């Protein structure tokens, strides 16, 4: 899948707030994503990120 900085993505599992859309705010060996509903930020390794990625929205 093609994604980059500031892309909106959907994950396979929902966040505890009930949202499954995230914005990519940092890319490198690790990827930092921010929940679009509650603004919680998490950091994942690229390998874990690719496992959890469902689709690229925008």
PDB file of N, CA and C in Angstrom:
ATOM      1  N   UNK A   1       0.839  -1.184   0.000  1.00  0.00           N
ATOM      2  CA  UNK A   1       0.000   0.000   0.000  1.00  0.00           C
ATOM      3  C   UNK A   1       0.880   1.242   0.000  1.00  0.00           C
ATOM      4  N   UNK A   2       0.347   2.287  -0.571  1.00  0.00           N
ATOM      5  CA  UNK A   2       1.095   3.527  -0.697  1.00  0.00           C
ATOM      6  C   UNK A   2       0.626   4.519   0.371  1.00  0.00           C
ATOM      7  N   UNK A   3       1.496   4.827   1.315  1.00  0.00           N
ATOM      8  CA  UNK A   3       1.172   5.789   2.352  1.00  0.00           C
ATOM      9  C   UNK A   3       2.378   6.671   2.591  1.00  0.00           C
ATOM     10  N   UNK A   4       2.143   7.844   3.152  1.00  0.00           N
ATOM     11  CA  UNK A   4       3.219   8.780   3.425  1.00  0.00           C
ATOM     12  C   UNK A   4       2.858   9.663   4.598  1.00  0.00           C
ATOM     13  N   UNK A   5       3.657  10.674   4.809  1.00  0.00           N
ATOM     14  CA  UNK A   5       3.419  11.608   5.895  1.00  0.00           C
ATOM     15  C   UNK A   5       2.071  12.299   5.704  1.00  0.00           C
ATOM     16  N   UNK A   6       1.315  12.457   6.763  1.00  0.00           N
ATOM     17  CA  UNK A   6      -0.016  13.085   6.796  1.00  0.00           C
ATOM     18  C   UNK A   6      -1.102  12.271   6.096  1.00  0.00           C
ATOM     19  N   UNK A   7      -0.826  11.016   5.762  1.00  0.00           N
ATOM     20  CA  UNK A   7      -1.864  10.152   5.200  1.00  0.00           C
ATOM     21  C   UNK A   7      -2.816   9.718   6.311  1.00  0.00           C
ATOM     22  N   UNK A   8      -4.074   9.517   5.963  1.00  0.00           N
ATOM     23  CA  UNK A   8      -5.072   8.982   6.890  1.00  0.00           C
ATOM     24  C   UNK A   8      -5.218   7.497   6.561  1.00  0.00           C
ATOM     25  N   UNK A   9      -5.063   6.648   7.586  1.00  0.00           N
ATOM     26  CA  UNK A   9      -5.134   5.202   7.372  1.00  0.00           C
ATOM     27  C   UNK A   9      -6.171   4.591   8.312  1.00  0.00           C
ATOM     28  N   UNK A  10      -6.649   3.392   7.952  1.00  0.00           N
ATOM     29  CA  UNK A  10      -7.539   2.625   8.816  1.00  0.00           C
ATOM     30  C   UNK A  10      -6.792   1.402   9.305  1.00  0.00           C
ATOM     31  N   UNK A  11      -7.025   1.032  10.571  1.00  0.00           N
ATOM     32  CA  UNK A  11      -6.392  -0.149  11.148  1.00  0.00           C
ATOM     33  C   UNK A  11      -7.401  -1.286  11.257  1.00  0.00           C
ATOM     34  N   UNK A  12      -6.888  -2.493  11.418  1.00  0.00           N
ATOM     35  CA  UNK A  12      -7.755  -3.667  11.532  1.00  0.00           C
ATOM     36  C   UNK A  12      -8.573  -3.638  12.821  1.00  0.00           C
ATOM     37  N   UNK A  13      -7.934  -3.235  13.917  1.00  0.00           N
ATOM     38  CA  UNK A  13      -8.631  -3.148  15.204  1.00  0.00           C
ATOM     39  C   UNK A  13      -8.941  -1.689  15.523  1.00  0.00           C
ATOM     40  N   UNK A  14     -10.029  -1.485  16.259  1.00  0.00           N
ATOM     41  CA  UNK A  14     -10.394  -0.132  16.668  1.00  0.00           C
ATOM     42  C   UNK A  14      -9.626   0.272  17.925  1.00  0.00           C
ATOM     43  N   UNK A  15      -9.421   1.561  18.071  1.00  0.00           N
ATOM     44  CA  UNK A  15      -8.824   2.138  19.264  1.00  0.00           C
ATOM     45  C   UNK A  15      -9.881   2.077  20.378  1.00  0.00           C
ATOM     46  N   UNK A  16      -9.502   2.065  21.649  1.00  0.00           N
ATOM     47  CA  UNK A  16     -10.506   2.033  22.728  1.00  0.00           C
ATOM     48  C   UNK A  16     -11.526   3.174  22.678  1.00  0.00           C
ATOM     49  N   UNK A  17     -11.200   4.281  22.033  1.00  0.00           N
ATOM     50  CA  UNK A  17     -12.151   5.392  21.910  1.00  0.00           C
ATOM     51  C   UNK A  17     -13.222   5.088  20.864  1.00  0.00           C
ATOM     52  N   UNK A  18     -13.053   4.011  20.084  1.00  0.00           N
ATOM     53  CA  UNK A  18     -14.046   3.614  19.092  1.00  0.00           C
ATOM     54  C   UNK A  18     -13.701   4.006  17.671  1.00  0.00           C
ATOM     55  N   UNK A  19     -12.581   4.646  17.466  1.00  0.00           N
ATOM     56  CA  UNK A  19     -12.183   5.120  16.150  1.00  0.00           C
ATOM     57  C   UNK A  19     -11.147   4.172  15.543  1.00  0.00           C
ATOM     58  N   UNK A  20     -11.152   4.050  14.210  1.00  0.00           N
ATOM     59  CA  UNK A  20     -10.131   3.227  13.550  1.00  0.00           C
ATOM     60  C   UNK A  20      -9.370   3.999  12.479  1.00  0.00           C
ATOM     61  N   UNK A  21      -9.475   5.332  12.493  1.00  0.00           N
ATOM     62  CA  UNK A  21      -8.745   6.168  11.536  1.00  0.00           C
ATOM     63  C   UNK A  21      -7.617   6.899  12.253  1.00  0.00           C
ATOM     64  N   UNK A  22      -6.437   6.874  11.636  1.00  0.00           N
ATOM     65  CA  UNK A  22      -5.238   7.463  12.206  1.00  0.00           C
ATOM     66  C   UNK A  22      -4.537   8.328  11.163  1.00  0.00           C
ATOM     67  N   UNK A  23      -3.798   9.321  11.639  1.00  0.00           N
ATOM     68  CA  UNK A  23      -2.989  10.175  10.761  1.00  0.00           C
ATOM     69  C   UNK A  23      -1.517   9.873  11.029  1.00  0.00           C
ATOM     70  N   UNK A  24      -0.745   9.690   9.973  1.00  0.00           N
ATOM     71  CA  UNK A  24       0.693   9.440  10.114  1.00  0.00           C
ATOM     72  C   UNK A  24       1.376  10.787  10.336  1.00  0.00           C
ATOM     73  N   UNK A  25       2.073  10.927  11.469  1.00  0.00           N
ATOM     74  CA  UNK A  25       2.719  12.204  11.776  1.00  0.00           C
ATOM     75  C   UNK A  25       4.243  12.112  11.765  1.00  0.00           C
ATOM     76  N   UNK A  26       4.817  10.890  11.707  1.00  0.00           N
ATOM     77  CA  UNK A  26       6.276  10.746  11.615  1.00  0.00           C
ATOM     78  C   UNK A  26       6.582   9.405  10.967  1.00  0.00           C
ATOM     79  N   UNK A  27       7.547   9.415  10.066  1.00  0.00           N
ATOM     80  CA  UNK A  27       7.957   8.180   9.401  1.00  0.00           C
ATOM     81  C   UNK A  27       9.466   8.021   9.492  1.00  0.00           C
ATOM     82  N   UNK A  28       9.888   6.798   9.597  1.00  0.00           N
ATOM     83  CA  UNK A  28      11.299   6.435   9.687  1.00  0.00           C
ATOM     84  C   UNK A  28      11.347   4.939   9.900  1.00  0.00           C
ATOM     85  N   UNK A  29      12.282   4.472  10.720  1.00  0.00           N
ATOM     86  CA  UNK A  29      12.299   3.055  11.084  1.00  0.00           C
ATOM     87  C   UNK A  29      11.057   2.739  11.901  1.00  0.00           C
ATOM     88  N   UNK A  30      10.619   3.718  12.711  1.00  0.00           N
ATOM     89  CA  UNK A  30       9.366   3.635  13.450  1.00  0.00           C
ATOM     90  C   UNK A  30       8.379   4.609  12.831  1.00  0.00           C
ATOM     91  N   UNK A  31       7.091   4.320  13.001  1.00  0.00           N
ATOM     92  CA  UNK A  31       6.055   5.208  12.471  1.00  0.00           C
ATOM     93  C   UNK A  31       5.197   5.689  13.633  1.00  0.00           C
ATOM     94  N   UNK A  32       4.999   6.993  13.714  1.00  0.00           N
ATOM     95  CA  UNK A  32       4.183   7.582  14.767  1.00  0.00           C
ATOM     96  C   UNK A  32       2.840   7.971  14.156  1.00  0.00           C
ATOM     97  N   UNK A  33       1.759   7.503  14.791  1.00  0.00           N
ATOM     98  CA  UNK A  33       0.426   7.797  14.283  1.00  0.00           C
ATOM     99  C   UNK A  33      -0.426   8.436  15.382  1.00  0.00           C
ATOM    100  N   UNK A  34      -1.393   9.262  14.956  1.00  0.00           N
ATOM    101  CA  UNK A  34      -2.254   9.986  15.887  1.00  0.00           C
ATOM    102  C   UNK A  34      -3.704   9.655  15.587  1.00  0.00           C
ATOM    103  N   UNK A  35      -4.470   9.309  16.620  1.00  0.00           N
ATOM    104  CA  UNK A  35      -5.889   9.018  16.468  1.00  0.00           C
ATOM    105  C   UNK A  35      -6.601  10.297  16.044  1.00  0.00           C
ATOM    106  N   UNK A  36      -7.477  10.198  15.045  1.00  0.00           N
ATOM    107  CA  UNK A  36      -8.156  11.397  14.548  1.00  0.00           C
ATOM    108  C   UNK A  36      -9.321  11.814  15.445  1.00  0.00           C
ATOM    109  N   UNK A  37      -9.724  10.958  16.386  1.00  0.00           N
ATOM    110  CA  UNK A  37     -10.840  11.290  17.272  1.00  0.00           C
ATOM    111  C   UNK A  37     -10.361  11.847  18.616  1.00  0.00           C
ATOM    112  N   UNK A  38      -9.455  11.125  19.298  1.00  0.00           N
ATOM    113  CA  UNK A  38      -9.040  11.536  20.643  1.00  0.00           C
ATOM    114  C   UNK A  38      -7.625  12.126  20.693  1.00  0.00           C
ATOM    115  N   UNK A  39      -6.940  12.190  19.545  1.00  0.00           N
ATOM    116  CA  UNK A  39      -5.599  12.769  19.417  1.00  0.00           C
ATOM    117  C   UNK A  39      -4.517  12.028  20.205  1.00  0.00           C
ATOM    118  N   UNK A  40      -4.755  10.776  20.563  1.00  0.00           N
ATOM    119  CA  UNK A  40      -3.741   9.953  21.228  1.00  0.00           C
ATOM    120  C   UNK A  40      -2.664   9.600  20.203  1.00  0.00           C
ATOM    121  N   UNK A  41      -1.404   9.645  20.610  1.00  0.00           N
ATOM    122  CA  UNK A  41      -0.290   9.359  19.714  1.00  0.00           C
ATOM    123  C   UNK A  41       0.381   8.058  20.152  1.00  0.00           C
ATOM    124  N   UNK A  42       0.621   7.167  19.189  1.00  0.00           N
ATOM    125  CA  UNK A  42       1.366   5.939  19.466  1.00  0.00           C
ATOM    126  C   UNK A  42       2.472   5.785  18.434  1.00  0.00           C
ATOM    127  N   UNK A  43       3.489   5.017  18.813  1.00  0.00           N
ATOM    128  CA  UNK A  43       4.618   4.781  17.927  1.00  0.00           C
ATOM    129  C   UNK A  43       4.757   3.283  17.708  1.00  0.00           C
ATOM    130  N   UNK A  44       4.835   2.866  16.459  1.00  0.00           N
ATOM    131  CA  UNK A  44       4.932   1.457  16.102  1.00  0.00           C
ATOM    132  C   UNK A  44       6.153   1.236  15.222  1.00  0.00           C
ATOM    133  N   UNK A  45       6.710   0.038  15.306  1.00  0.00           N
ATOM    134  CA  UNK A  45       7.761  -0.300  14.351  1.00  0.00           C
ATOM    135  C   UNK A  45       7.095  -0.447  12.983  1.00  0.00           C
ATOM    136  N   UNK A  46       7.864  -0.292  11.945  1.00  0.00           N
ATOM    137  CA  UNK A  46       7.299  -0.375  10.593  1.00  0.00           C
ATOM    138  C   UNK A  46       6.672  -1.755  10.352  1.00  0.00           C
ATOM    139  N   UNK A  47       7.286  -2.796  10.910  1.00  0.00           N
ATOM    140  CA  UNK A  47       6.767  -4.152  10.751  1.00  0.00           C
ATOM    141  C   UNK A  47       5.384  -4.298  11.403  1.00  0.00           C
ATOM    142  N   UNK A  48       5.235  -3.825  12.654  1.00  0.00           N
ATOM    143  CA  UNK A  48       3.935  -3.884  13.335  1.00  0.00           C
ATOM    144  C   UNK A  48       2.908  -2.999  12.647  1.00  0.00           C
ATOM    145  N   UNK A  49       3.344  -1.842  12.164  1.00  0.00           N
ATOM    146  CA  UNK A  49       2.433  -0.936  11.461  1.00  0.00           C
ATOM    147  C   UNK A  49       1.858  -1.609  10.217  1.00  0.00           C
ATOM    148  N   UNK A  50       2.705  -2.276   9.439  1.00  0.00           N
ATOM    149  CA  UNK A  50       2.244  -2.940   8.220  1.00  0.00           C
ATOM    150  C   UNK A  50       1.299  -4.101   8.519  1.00  0.00           C
ATOM    151  N   UNK A  51       1.467  -4.746   9.670  1.00  0.00           N
ATOM    152  CA  UNK A  51       0.544  -5.810  10.077  1.00  0.00           C
ATOM    153  C   UNK A  51      -0.833  -5.253  10.422  1.00  0.00           C
ATOM    154  N   UNK A  52      -0.866  -4.102  11.074  1.00  0.00           N
ATOM    155  CA  UNK A  52      -2.124  -3.519  11.552  1.00  0.00           C
ATOM    156  C   UNK A  52      -2.865  -2.709  10.491  1.00  0.00           C
ATOM    157  N   UNK A  53      -2.178  -2.325   9.435  1.00  0.00           N
ATOM    158  CA  UNK A  53      -2.769  -1.484   8.396  1.00  0.00           C
ATOM    159  C   UNK A  53      -3.846  -2.246   7.610  1.00  0.00           C
ATOM    160  N   UNK A  54      -5.008  -1.621   7.478  1.00  0.00           N
ATOM    161  CA  UNK A  54      -6.111  -2.218   6.721  1.00  0.00           C
ATOM    162  C   UNK A  54      -6.226  -1.549   5.361  1.00  0.00           C
ATOM    163  N   UNK A  55      -6.301  -0.210   5.342  1.00  0.00           N
ATOM    164  CA  UNK A  55      -6.386   0.523   4.088  1.00  0.00           C
ATOM    165  C   UNK A  55      -5.952   1.963   4.272  1.00  0.00           C
ATOM    166  N   UNK A  56      -5.555   2.585   3.167  1.00  0.00           N
ATOM    167  CA  UNK A  56      -5.201   4.003   3.154  1.00  0.00           C
ATOM    168  C   UNK A  56      -6.427   4.767   2.684  1.00  0.00           C
ATOM    169  N   UNK A  57      -6.923   5.686   3.520  1.00  0.00           N
ATOM    170  CA  UNK A  57      -8.129   6.443   3.195  1.00  0.00           C
ATOM    171  C   UNK A  57      -7.801   7.629   2.311  1.00  0.00           C
ATOM    172  N   UNK A  58      -6.765   8.382   2.682  1.00  0.00           N
ATOM    173  CA  UNK A  58      -6.457   9.634   1.975  1.00  0.00           C
ATOM    174  C   UNK A  58      -4.981   9.889   1.962  1.00  0.00           C
TER     175      UNK A  58
END
